[in-house]
Protein backbone atom coordinates (compact mmCIF):
# COMPACT_ATOMS: atom_id res chain seq x y z
CA MET A 1 54.45 111.88 102.15
CA PRO A 2 55.94 113.96 105.00
CA ARG A 3 53.87 116.74 106.42
CA PRO A 4 55.27 120.26 106.30
CA ARG A 5 56.57 121.43 109.68
CA LYS A 6 54.74 124.34 111.18
CA ALA A 7 56.73 126.94 113.03
CA ILE A 8 55.98 126.70 116.74
CA GLN A 9 55.16 130.23 117.88
CA ASP A 10 53.28 129.48 121.10
CA PRO A 11 55.18 131.34 123.89
CA THR A 12 54.00 128.93 126.61
CA PHE A 13 55.33 125.96 124.64
CA LEU A 14 58.66 127.68 124.02
CA THR A 15 58.91 128.68 127.71
CA ALA A 16 58.27 125.09 128.80
CA ALA A 17 60.86 123.83 126.32
CA LEU A 18 63.40 126.33 127.63
CA GLU A 19 62.78 125.29 131.24
CA GLY A 20 63.23 121.64 130.32
CA LEU A 21 66.50 122.37 128.55
CA GLU A 22 67.75 124.37 131.55
CA LEU A 23 67.02 121.40 133.83
CA GLN A 24 68.93 119.08 131.50
CA LYS A 25 71.82 121.53 131.46
CA GLN A 26 71.93 121.62 135.27
CA ARG A 27 71.90 117.80 135.47
CA ILE A 28 74.70 117.53 132.95
CA GLU A 29 76.80 120.16 134.74
CA GLU A 30 76.33 118.27 138.02
CA GLN A 31 77.45 115.05 136.38
CA ILE A 32 80.51 116.84 134.97
CA ARG A 33 81.35 118.12 138.46
CA GLN A 34 81.06 114.60 139.88
CA VAL A 35 83.35 113.12 137.23
CA ARG A 36 85.89 115.88 137.77
CA ALA A 37 85.76 115.22 141.50
CA MET A 38 86.45 111.53 140.84
CA LEU A 39 89.44 112.54 138.72
CA GLY A 40 90.66 114.90 141.43
CA LYS A 41 90.27 117.99 139.24
CA LYS A 42 88.60 121.24 140.20
CA GLY A 43 87.07 123.98 138.09
CA PRO A 44 86.44 124.23 134.38
CA ALA A 45 90.11 124.54 133.36
CA VAL A 46 90.95 120.86 132.98
CA SER A 47 93.66 120.01 130.48
CA ALA A 48 94.30 116.69 128.83
CA PRO A 49 97.02 114.55 130.39
CA VAL A 50 100.44 114.92 128.80
CA VAL A 51 101.49 111.77 126.98
CA PRO A 52 105.18 111.44 126.19
CA VAL A 53 105.96 111.04 122.51
CA VAL A 54 107.84 107.86 121.74
CA GLU A 55 109.87 108.05 118.56
CA GLU A 56 109.60 104.91 116.50
CA LYS A 57 112.48 103.62 114.47
CA PRO A 58 111.92 103.93 110.73
CA ALA A 59 110.97 100.69 109.03
CA ARG A 60 113.93 98.95 107.48
CA LYS A 61 113.88 98.55 103.74
CA ARG A 62 113.59 94.93 102.72
CA ASN A 63 116.27 93.70 100.36
CA LEU A 64 114.96 91.03 98.03
CA SER A 65 117.20 88.68 96.17
CA GLU A 66 117.09 88.53 92.40
CA ALA A 67 115.43 85.09 92.58
CA ALA A 68 112.72 86.40 94.90
CA ARG A 69 112.02 89.30 92.52
CA ARG A 70 111.68 86.84 89.63
CA ARG A 71 109.22 84.66 91.59
CA ILE A 72 107.12 87.69 92.53
CA ALA A 73 107.10 88.97 88.94
CA ALA A 74 106.11 85.53 87.61
CA ALA A 75 103.27 85.23 90.13
CA GLN A 76 101.99 88.70 89.23
CA LYS A 77 102.10 87.90 85.50
CA LYS A 78 100.16 84.70 86.20
CA ARG A 79 97.49 86.64 88.13
CA TRP A 80 97.14 89.22 85.35
CA ALA A 81 96.88 86.47 82.71
CA ALA A 82 94.06 84.81 84.66
CA PHE A 83 92.33 88.18 85.09
CA ARG A 84 92.55 88.98 81.36
CA LYS A 85 91.31 85.49 80.46
CA GLU A 86 88.11 86.07 82.50
CA GLN A 87 87.41 89.45 80.82
CA PRO A 88 85.21 89.55 77.68
CA GLN A 89 87.16 90.12 74.45
CA GLY A 90 84.98 93.06 73.33
CA GLU A 91 86.21 95.51 75.94
């Protein structure tokens, strides 16, 4: 059974936690500066690169022959018949 969490009210503990978080923040900001320098960017205002939009042609509608439609319909009826055969009759 999990133990109930006690609220941490000790000011020295909270101060130490805050200092640790500030150090992490400084390290992360330094790493961000290094990556920006590698990219050749300066400052916090870095925008995403502009990617040109390529318009795709709409998909062509497939025209099926009457014979193809009959074959597809027959195959679907066969699948449904097999499915119904496997089902219990009480449902």
